[in-house]
Protein backbone atom coordinates (compact mmCIF):
# COMPACT_ATOMS: atom_id res chain seq x y z
CA UNK A 1 -64.23 4.57 -110.04
CA UNK A 2 -67.38 3.74 -108.23
CA UNK A 3 -68.11 4.68 -104.67
CA UNK A 4 -67.85 1.03 -103.68
CA UNK A 5 -64.48 0.68 -105.25
CA UNK A 6 -63.24 3.81 -103.46
CA UNK A 7 -64.50 2.48 -100.12
CA UNK A 8 -62.80 -0.89 -100.70
CA UNK A 9 -59.58 0.88 -101.57
CA UNK A 10 -59.85 3.07 -98.45
CA UNK A 11 -60.56 0.01 -96.30
CA UNK A 12 -57.58 -1.80 -97.76
CA UNK A 13 -55.31 1.14 -97.03
CA UNK A 14 -56.64 1.37 -93.46
CA UNK A 15 -56.12 -2.29 -92.80
CA UNK A 16 -52.63 -2.12 -94.19
CA UNK A 17 -51.84 0.92 -92.04
CA UNK A 18 -53.25 -0.77 -88.91
CA UNK A 19 -51.23 -3.88 -89.63
CA UNK A 20 -48.05 -1.84 -89.96
CA UNK A 21 -48.77 0.09 -86.75
CA UNK A 22 -49.58 -3.13 -84.88
CA UNK A 23 -46.40 -4.72 -86.14
CA UNK A 24 -44.32 -1.74 -85.02
CA UNK A 25 -46.04 -1.73 -81.60
CA UNK A 26 -45.36 -5.43 -81.20
CA UNK A 27 -41.70 -4.91 -82.07
CA UNK A 28 -41.38 -2.04 -79.58
CA UNK A 29 -43.09 -4.11 -76.88
CA UNK A 30 -40.74 -6.99 -77.56
CA UNK A 31 -37.78 -4.63 -77.42
CA UNK A 32 -39.06 -3.14 -74.15
CA UNK A 33 -39.49 -6.61 -72.60
CA UNK A 34 -36.09 -7.63 -73.83
CA UNK A 35 -34.59 -4.45 -72.42
CA UNK A 36 -36.34 -4.97 -69.06
CA UNK A 37 -35.06 -8.52 -68.93
CA UNK A 38 -31.54 -7.34 -69.61
CA UNK A 39 -31.83 -4.70 -66.84
CA UNK A 40 -33.10 -7.27 -64.35
CA UNK A 41 -30.27 -9.64 -65.15
CA UNK A 42 -27.78 -6.78 -64.82
CA UNK A 43 -29.21 -5.75 -61.43
CA UNK A 44 -29.10 -9.35 -60.24
CA UNK A 45 -25.50 -9.66 -61.39
CA UNK A 46 -24.63 -6.43 -59.56
CA UNK A 47 -26.27 -7.68 -56.36
CA UNK A 48 -24.42 -11.00 -56.63
CA UNK A 49 -21.12 -9.19 -57.15
CA UNK A 50 -21.83 -6.92 -54.14
CA UNK A 51 -22.65 -9.93 -51.95
CA UNK A 52 -19.46 -11.67 -53.04
CA UNK A 53 -17.46 -8.51 -52.29
CA UNK A 54 -19.02 -8.18 -48.83
CA UNK A 55 -18.39 -11.87 -48.14
CA UNK A 56 -14.75 -11.45 -49.17
CA UNK A 57 -14.37 -8.40 -46.92
CA UNK A 58 -15.96 -10.32 -44.03
CA UNK A 59 -13.53 -13.21 -44.51
CA UNK A 60 -10.60 -10.79 -44.65
CA UNK A 61 -11.81 -9.09 -41.45
CA UNK A 62 -12.09 -12.49 -39.73
CA UNK A 63 -8.59 -13.43 -40.87
CA UNK A 64 -7.28 -10.12 -39.51
CA UNK A 65 -9.07 -10.72 -36.21
CA UNK A 66 -7.57 -14.23 -35.98
CA UNK A 67 -4.12 -12.80 -36.70
CA UNK A 68 -4.48 -10.15 -34.01
CA UNK A 69 -5.74 -12.76 -31.52
CA UNK A 70 -2.76 -15.00 -32.30
CA UNK A 71 -0.38 -12.08 -31.75
CA UNK A 72 -2.09 -11.26 -28.44
CA UNK A 73 -1.79 -14.89 -27.33
CA UNK A 74 1.92 -14.90 -28.20
CA UNK A 75 2.40 -11.65 -26.30
CA UNK A 76 0.72 -13.12 -23.21
CA UNK A 77 2.84 -16.27 -23.45
CA UNK A 78 5.98 -14.16 -23.74
CA UNK A 79 4.92 -12.08 -20.74
CA UNK A 80 4.21 -15.21 -18.68
CA UNK A 81 7.59 -16.66 -19.66
CA UNK A 82 9.34 -13.43 -18.70
CA UNK A 83 7.56 -13.39 -15.33
CA UNK A 84 8.52 -17.03 -14.73
CA UNK A 85 12.15 -16.23 -15.49
CA UNK A 86 11.98 -13.23 -13.14
CA UNK A 87 10.53 -15.44 -10.37
CA UNK A 88 13.31 -17.98 -10.85
CA UNK A 89 15.89 -15.20 -10.75
CA UNK A 90 14.40 -13.85 -7.51
CA UNK A 91 14.34 -17.35 -6.00
CA UNK A 92 17.97 -17.90 -6.98
CA UNK A 93 18.89 -14.54 -5.48
CA UNK A 94 17.01 -15.37 -2.27
CA UNK A 95 18.77 -18.75 -2.03
CA UNK A 96 22.13 -17.13 -2.62
CA UNK A 97 21.39 -14.54 0.07
CA UNK A 98 20.23 -17.23 2.50
CA UNK A 99 23.39 -19.24 1.88
CA UNK A 100 25.52 -16.13 2.36
CA UNK A 101 23.68 -15.35 5.61
CA UNK A 102 24.15 -18.93 6.77
CA UNK A 103 27.87 -18.79 6.05
CA UNK A 104 28.12 -15.46 7.84
CA UNK A 105 26.19 -16.77 10.86
CA UNK A 106 28.33 -19.88 10.91
CA UNK A 107 31.51 -17.81 10.85
CA UNK A 108 30.21 -15.52 13.59
CA UNK A 109 29.22 -18.51 15.71
CA UNK A 110 32.65 -20.05 15.27
CA UNK A 111 34.30 -16.77 16.20
CA UNK A 112 32.07 -16.36 19.24
CA UNK A 113 32.82 -19.91 20.33
CA UNK A 114 36.53 -19.22 20.11
CA UNK A 115 36.06 -16.09 22.20
CA UNK A 116 33.95 -18.00 24.75
CA UNK A 117 30.82 -15.88 24.32
CA UNK A 118 28.29 -18.09 22.54
CA UNK A 119 24.67 -16.96 22.91
CA UNK A 120 25.29 -13.31 23.84
CA UNK A 121 21.98 -11.48 24.19
CA UNK A 122 22.91 -8.10 25.66
CA UNK A 123 24.97 -5.68 23.60
CA UNK A 124 26.54 -4.07 26.68
CA UNK A 125 27.44 -6.85 29.08
CA UNK A 126 28.51 -5.82 32.61
CA UNK A 127 31.69 -7.34 33.98
CA UNK A 128 31.01 -10.81 35.39
CA UNK A 129 27.60 -11.24 33.71
CA UNK A 130 27.18 -14.70 32.15
CA UNK A 131 26.50 -14.48 28.44
CA UNK A 132 25.92 -18.09 27.43
CA UNK A 133 22.51 -19.48 26.48
CA UNK A 134 21.09 -22.93 27.10
CA UNK A 135 20.68 -24.96 23.89
CA UNK A 136 18.25 -27.81 23.26
CA UNK A 137 18.01 -30.90 21.11
CA UNK A 138 15.50 -31.01 18.24
CA UNK A 139 11.89 -30.87 19.49
CA UNK A 140 13.06 -31.21 23.13
CA UNK A 141 12.62 -28.94 26.14
CA UNK A 142 14.74 -30.61 28.83
CA UNK A 143 18.17 -29.27 29.74
CA UNK A 144 21.00 -31.62 28.84
CA UNK A 145 23.78 -31.99 31.47
CA UNK A 146 26.43 -30.18 29.44
CA UNK A 147 24.54 -26.90 30.04
CA UNK A 148 24.44 -27.30 33.83
CA UNK A 149 27.46 -25.01 34.08
CA UNK A 150 25.61 -22.30 32.13
CA UNK A 151 22.63 -22.56 34.47
CA UNK A 152 24.89 -22.46 37.55
CA UNK A 153 26.72 -19.38 36.24
CA UNK A 154 23.46 -17.46 35.81
CA UNK A 155 22.18 -18.57 39.21
CA UNK A 156 25.46 -17.45 40.83
CA UNK A 157 25.25 -14.08 39.09
CA UNK A 158 21.65 -13.54 40.23
CA UNK A 159 22.57 -14.40 43.82
CA UNK A 160 25.45 -11.92 43.69
CA UNK A 161 23.06 -9.24 42.38
CA UNK A 162 19.85 -9.62 44.37
CA UNK A 163 18.31 -6.48 42.84
CA UNK A 164 18.44 -7.92 39.34
CA UNK A 165 15.66 -9.84 37.62
CA UNK A 166 16.01 -12.02 34.53
CA UNK A 167 13.80 -12.80 31.56
CA UNK A 168 14.12 -16.23 30.00
CA UNK A 169 13.35 -16.15 26.26
CA UNK A 170 12.54 -19.50 24.66
CA UNK A 171 13.37 -19.96 20.97
CA UNK A 172 13.02 -22.65 18.28
CA UNK A 173 14.32 -23.38 14.81
CA UNK A 174 12.14 -22.71 11.76
CA UNK A 175 10.66 -26.20 11.51
CA UNK A 176 7.15 -26.69 12.88
CA UNK A 177 4.10 -24.46 12.82
CA UNK A 178 4.06 -21.08 14.51
CA UNK A 179 1.66 -22.27 17.22
CA UNK A 180 3.72 -25.38 17.95
CA UNK A 181 6.97 -23.44 18.14
CA UNK A 182 5.46 -20.85 20.49
CA UNK A 183 4.46 -23.69 22.81
CA UNK A 184 7.84 -25.39 22.51
CA UNK A 185 9.69 -22.13 23.19
CA UNK A 186 7.50 -21.61 26.26
CA UNK A 187 8.33 -25.10 27.58
CA UNK A 188 12.05 -24.45 27.12
CA UNK A 189 11.82 -21.16 29.00
CA UNK A 190 9.89 -22.90 31.80
CA UNK A 191 12.58 -25.62 32.01
CA UNK A 192 15.29 -23.00 32.50
CA UNK A 193 13.18 -21.13 35.05
CA UNK A 194 12.63 -24.36 36.98
CA UNK A 195 16.38 -25.01 36.91
CA UNK A 196 17.13 -21.55 38.36
CA UNK A 197 14.50 -22.04 41.05
CA UNK A 198 16.10 -25.36 42.00
CA UNK A 199 19.40 -23.48 42.35
CA UNK A 200 17.80 -21.03 44.79
CA UNK A 201 16.53 -18.13 42.64
CA UNK A 202 13.11 -16.83 43.65
CA UNK A 203 10.34 -17.39 41.11
CA UNK A 204 9.30 -13.71 41.29
CA UNK A 205 12.67 -12.66 39.85
CA UNK A 206 12.18 -14.76 36.74
CA UNK A 207 9.83 -14.04 33.83
CA UNK A 208 9.49 -16.09 30.68
CA UNK A 209 8.72 -15.24 27.05
CA UNK A 210 8.44 -17.48 24.00
CA UNK A 211 9.41 -16.18 20.57
CA UNK A 212 8.94 -19.51 18.83
CA UNK A 213 10.95 -19.35 15.61
CA UNK A 214 10.56 -15.58 15.18
CA UNK A 215 13.91 -14.54 16.68
CA UNK A 216 16.60 -16.64 14.99
CA UNK A 217 20.29 -15.99 15.58
CA UNK A 218 21.22 -17.88 12.39
CA UNK A 219 19.29 -17.39 9.17
CA UNK A 220 20.45 -20.51 7.38
CA UNK A 221 18.36 -23.59 6.62
CA UNK A 222 20.71 -26.30 7.84
CA UNK A 223 21.42 -28.17 11.06
CA UNK A 224 24.19 -25.77 12.10
CA UNK A 225 21.79 -22.82 11.93
CA UNK A 226 18.92 -24.74 13.52
CA UNK A 227 21.12 -25.73 16.47
CA UNK A 228 21.90 -22.07 17.17
CA UNK A 229 18.20 -21.21 17.16
CA UNK A 230 17.05 -23.95 19.58
CA UNK A 231 17.93 -22.07 22.74
CA UNK A 232 16.84 -20.18 25.86
CA UNK A 233 18.40 -16.72 26.29
CA UNK A 234 18.95 -14.85 29.57
CA UNK A 235 18.06 -11.17 29.37
CA UNK A 236 18.85 -8.97 32.40
C-alpha cells in the first residue's frame, strides 16, 4: 500500500470518527435541552400548584373569618335582645310598684279622711294642733272657700300659742318642670301666709318654703295622687 493510500485511509477513519463523535455530542445536547425543558415545565407546574394551594387556603381563611363575623353579629343581636327584654321587665316592675304605691297611698288617704286627719305633717301632734293642709286646684295658687275652716283653725291655734311659729310648705304634683313647680309651690305658700296674716297672725311668725313636686304624699300617676300633692302644709 502506498503512502498516499495509507494517508487516505487514515483520513477516512478520522472523518468517520469525528462524524460519530459529533453525532453523539448532538444527541447528548438534544437530550440535555429536552431534559432542561422538562425541568422548567415541572418547576412551572409546581409553582402553579403552590399558587393554587395558597389561593385555596386564602379563600378558606376568608370563609372562616366571615363565619366568625356572622357568629359575632348574632351574639351581639342576642345580647341586645336580652338587654331589651331586661329593660321591659324593669319597666313593668316599676309600673307595678308605682301602681301598688298609688293603691297604698289611696288607701291611706281614705283611712286618714275617715279619721279626720288629712294632710298630717308632724309625726307627734300636740293636743289641739290642727293637722289639715290646704289643697289647691290644678295649676292654681288661690285658696278655695272650702279650706277657709282649715286656715281659721291654724290661725286660732297660733293665737292660742303666741310663742309658736309656723312654716308653710308649698307643694305641687309631678306635672310641669322643676322650675315652674318651685315657683307654683312658692305662690301657694304665699297665699296661705297672706290668709293667716289677714286672720291676725304676724308676718314674722310665718316662713315659707317651696318643695315644688319633690315632696309628694302620694306616689301614683293619677288624679287622685296629684290632688293629694297639690297642697300647702303647716309645720310647727
